[in-house]
């Protein structure tokens, strides 16, 4: 079982391995979180799928923010 920090790093690493067009939307992140929640084990009182989805959505939002800052 991973620590929460290790799990987050692994989730982001796997997400980055997806084709760019498969990691653009929040809906895609949510769907991928369902798959990852089965594979990535970490201790939490909350639903792992929801935590993983939040990490992925934050990652997408962070990227969008960087792109907007770059494009400005």
N, C-alpha and C. Protein backbone atom coordinates (compact mmCIF):
# COMPACT_ATOMS: atom_id res chain seq x y z
N UNK A 1 0.86 -1.18 0.00
CA UNK A 1 0.00 0.00 0.00
C UNK A 1 0.90 1.24 0.00
N UNK A 2 0.53 2.19 -0.81
CA UNK A 2 1.29 3.43 -0.94
C UNK A 2 0.84 4.46 0.09
N UNK A 3 1.73 5.42 0.35
CA UNK A 3 1.29 6.59 1.11
C UNK A 3 0.44 7.43 0.17
N UNK A 4 -0.27 8.36 0.72
CA UNK A 4 -1.11 9.24 -0.11
C UNK A 4 -0.24 10.05 -1.07
N UNK A 5 0.90 10.52 -0.61
CA UNK A 5 1.80 11.31 -1.46
C UNK A 5 2.35 10.45 -2.61
N UNK A 6 2.73 9.22 -2.30
CA UNK A 6 3.22 8.31 -3.34
C UNK A 6 2.12 8.01 -4.36
N UNK A 7 0.92 7.80 -3.86
CA UNK A 7 -0.22 7.53 -4.74
C UNK A 7 -0.48 8.71 -5.67
N UNK A 8 -0.44 9.90 -5.14
CA UNK A 8 -0.67 11.08 -5.97
C UNK A 8 0.38 11.18 -7.07
N UNK A 9 1.63 10.96 -6.74
CA UNK A 9 2.69 10.99 -7.75
C UNK A 9 2.47 9.94 -8.83
N UNK A 10 2.07 8.75 -8.42
CA UNK A 10 1.83 7.67 -9.38
C UNK A 10 0.63 7.98 -10.27
N UNK A 11 -0.41 8.53 -9.69
CA UNK A 11 -1.60 8.91 -10.47
C UNK A 11 -1.23 9.92 -11.54
N UNK A 12 -0.51 10.96 -11.16
CA UNK A 12 -0.11 12.00 -12.12
C UNK A 12 0.83 11.42 -13.17
N UNK A 13 1.74 10.55 -12.75
CA UNK A 13 2.66 9.92 -13.71
C UNK A 13 1.88 9.12 -14.76
N UNK A 14 0.94 8.30 -14.31
CA UNK A 14 0.15 7.50 -15.25
C UNK A 14 -0.73 8.38 -16.14
N UNK A 15 -1.28 9.42 -15.57
CA UNK A 15 -2.12 10.34 -16.35
C UNK A 15 -1.29 10.98 -17.46
N UNK A 16 -0.06 11.34 -17.15
CA UNK A 16 0.82 11.97 -18.15
C UNK A 16 1.22 11.00 -19.26
N UNK A 17 1.10 9.72 -19.03
CA UNK A 17 1.41 8.73 -20.06
C UNK A 17 0.31 8.62 -21.11
N UNK A 18 -0.88 9.07 -20.76
CA UNK A 18 -1.99 9.04 -21.73
C UNK A 18 -1.73 10.02 -22.86
N UNK A 19 -2.32 9.73 -24.01
CA UNK A 19 -2.24 10.68 -25.13
C UNK A 19 -2.87 12.00 -24.70
N UNK A 20 -2.34 13.08 -25.20
CA UNK A 20 -2.81 14.40 -24.78
C UNK A 20 -4.32 14.56 -24.97
N UNK A 21 -4.85 14.03 -26.06
CA UNK A 21 -6.29 14.17 -26.31
C UNK A 21 -7.15 13.34 -25.34
N UNK A 22 -6.51 12.45 -24.58
CA UNK A 22 -7.22 11.64 -23.58
C UNK A 22 -7.16 12.24 -22.18
N UNK A 23 -6.52 13.39 -22.05
CA UNK A 23 -6.39 14.02 -20.73
C UNK A 23 -6.65 15.52 -20.78
N UNK A 24 -7.66 15.88 -21.55
CA UNK A 24 -7.98 17.30 -21.72
C UNK A 24 -9.16 17.77 -20.87
N UNK A 25 -10.11 16.88 -20.61
CA UNK A 25 -11.35 17.33 -19.95
C UNK A 25 -11.48 16.75 -18.55
N UNK A 26 -12.31 17.41 -17.77
CA UNK A 26 -12.60 16.93 -16.42
C UNK A 26 -13.34 15.59 -16.48
N UNK A 27 -14.16 15.41 -17.49
CA UNK A 27 -14.89 14.16 -17.65
C UNK A 27 -13.92 13.00 -17.91
N UNK A 28 -12.90 13.25 -18.72
CA UNK A 28 -11.89 12.22 -18.97
C UNK A 28 -11.13 11.89 -17.68
N UNK A 29 -10.82 12.92 -16.92
CA UNK A 29 -10.13 12.71 -15.65
C UNK A 29 -10.98 11.87 -14.70
N UNK A 30 -12.25 12.17 -14.65
CA UNK A 30 -13.16 11.44 -13.78
C UNK A 30 -13.25 9.97 -14.20
N UNK A 31 -13.35 9.73 -15.49
CA UNK A 31 -13.43 8.36 -16.00
C UNK A 31 -12.13 7.59 -15.72
N UNK A 32 -11.01 8.24 -15.90
CA UNK A 32 -9.72 7.59 -15.65
C UNK A 32 -9.53 7.32 -14.16
N UNK A 33 -10.07 8.18 -13.33
CA UNK A 33 -9.98 7.99 -11.88
C UNK A 33 -10.66 6.69 -11.46
N UNK A 34 -11.73 6.32 -12.12
CA UNK A 34 -12.42 5.05 -11.82
C UNK A 34 -11.46 3.89 -12.04
N UNK A 35 -10.74 3.92 -13.16
CA UNK A 35 -9.79 2.84 -13.47
C UNK A 35 -8.64 2.82 -12.46
N UNK A 36 -8.10 3.98 -12.17
CA UNK A 36 -6.95 4.06 -11.28
C UNK A 36 -7.30 3.66 -9.85
N UNK A 37 -8.51 3.95 -9.42
CA UNK A 37 -8.92 3.63 -8.04
C UNK A 37 -8.86 2.14 -7.78
N UNK A 38 -9.00 1.32 -8.82
CA UNK A 38 -8.91 -0.13 -8.67
C UNK A 38 -7.47 -0.58 -8.50
N UNK A 39 -6.53 0.13 -9.13
CA UNK A 39 -5.12 -0.27 -9.15
C UNK A 39 -4.28 0.35 -8.05
N UNK A 40 -4.58 1.57 -7.69
CA UNK A 40 -3.72 2.32 -6.77
C UNK A 40 -4.34 2.31 -5.38
N UNK A 41 -3.63 1.67 -4.48
CA UNK A 41 -4.12 1.51 -3.12
C UNK A 41 -3.39 2.45 -2.17
N UNK A 42 -4.14 3.24 -1.44
CA UNK A 42 -3.60 4.10 -0.40
C UNK A 42 -4.66 4.25 0.67
N UNK A 43 -4.23 4.55 1.86
CA UNK A 43 -5.16 4.65 2.97
C UNK A 43 -5.85 6.00 2.98
N UNK A 44 -7.16 5.95 3.07
CA UNK A 44 -7.94 7.18 3.14
C UNK A 44 -9.33 6.86 3.67
N UNK A 45 -9.88 7.81 4.40
CA UNK A 45 -11.24 7.64 4.89
C UNK A 45 -12.25 8.00 3.80
N UNK A 46 -11.80 8.77 2.83
CA UNK A 46 -12.67 9.19 1.74
C UNK A 46 -12.58 8.18 0.59
N UNK A 47 -13.50 8.28 -0.33
CA UNK A 47 -13.53 7.43 -1.51
C UNK A 47 -12.29 7.70 -2.37
N UNK A 48 -11.50 6.66 -2.64
CA UNK A 48 -10.27 6.82 -3.42
C UNK A 48 -10.55 7.40 -4.80
N UNK A 49 -11.62 6.98 -5.42
CA UNK A 49 -11.94 7.48 -6.76
C UNK A 49 -12.12 9.00 -6.74
N UNK A 50 -12.78 9.50 -5.73
CA UNK A 50 -13.00 10.96 -5.64
C UNK A 50 -11.71 11.71 -5.40
N UNK A 51 -10.84 11.14 -4.58
CA UNK A 51 -9.55 11.79 -4.32
C UNK A 51 -8.71 11.81 -5.59
N UNK A 52 -8.65 10.68 -6.28
CA UNK A 52 -7.88 10.59 -7.52
C UNK A 52 -8.44 11.55 -8.56
N UNK A 53 -9.74 11.61 -8.70
CA UNK A 53 -10.37 12.54 -9.65
C UNK A 53 -9.99 13.97 -9.31
N UNK A 54 -9.97 14.31 -8.04
CA UNK A 54 -9.59 15.67 -7.62
C UNK A 54 -8.15 15.98 -8.00
N UNK A 55 -7.25 15.01 -7.82
CA UNK A 55 -5.86 15.22 -8.21
C UNK A 55 -5.75 15.47 -9.71
N UNK A 56 -6.49 14.67 -10.50
CA UNK A 56 -6.41 14.80 -11.95
C UNK A 56 -7.04 16.11 -12.44
N UNK A 57 -8.14 16.47 -11.85
CA UNK A 57 -8.80 17.73 -12.22
C UNK A 57 -7.90 18.92 -11.86
N UNK A 58 -7.25 18.85 -10.71
CA UNK A 58 -6.31 19.90 -10.33
C UNK A 58 -5.16 19.98 -11.34
N UNK A 59 -4.69 18.83 -11.79
CA UNK A 59 -3.60 18.79 -12.78
C UNK A 59 -4.04 19.43 -14.09
N UNK A 60 -5.24 19.12 -14.55
CA UNK A 60 -5.76 19.74 -15.77
C UNK A 60 -5.90 21.24 -15.58
N UNK A 61 -6.44 21.66 -14.45
CA UNK A 61 -6.61 23.09 -14.18
C UNK A 61 -5.27 23.81 -14.12
N UNK A 62 -4.28 23.16 -13.51
CA UNK A 62 -2.94 23.75 -13.43
C UNK A 62 -2.37 23.93 -14.83
N UNK A 63 -2.52 22.94 -15.67
CA UNK A 63 -2.02 23.05 -17.05
C UNK A 63 -2.73 24.14 -17.83
N UNK A 64 -4.03 24.23 -17.66
CA UNK A 64 -4.78 25.28 -18.34
C UNK A 64 -4.31 26.65 -17.89
N UNK A 65 -4.05 26.80 -16.61
CA UNK A 65 -3.55 28.06 -16.07
C UNK A 65 -2.19 28.42 -16.64
N UNK A 66 -1.32 27.42 -16.77
CA UNK A 66 0.00 27.67 -17.36
C UNK A 66 -0.14 28.06 -18.82
N UNK A 67 -1.04 27.39 -19.54
CA UNK A 67 -1.22 27.71 -20.96
C UNK A 67 -1.76 29.13 -21.12
N UNK A 68 -2.73 29.49 -20.29
CA UNK A 68 -3.30 30.84 -20.38
C UNK A 68 -2.25 31.90 -20.06
N UNK A 69 -1.40 31.63 -19.07
CA UNK A 69 -0.33 32.57 -18.73
C UNK A 69 0.68 32.64 -19.87
N UNK A 70 0.97 31.52 -20.51
CA UNK A 70 1.91 31.48 -21.62
C UNK A 70 1.33 32.22 -22.83
N UNK A 71 0.03 32.05 -23.08
CA UNK A 71 -0.60 32.65 -24.25
C UNK A 71 -0.81 34.15 -24.09
N UNK A 72 -0.82 34.65 -22.86
CA UNK A 72 -1.10 36.07 -22.61
C UNK A 72 0.07 36.95 -23.00
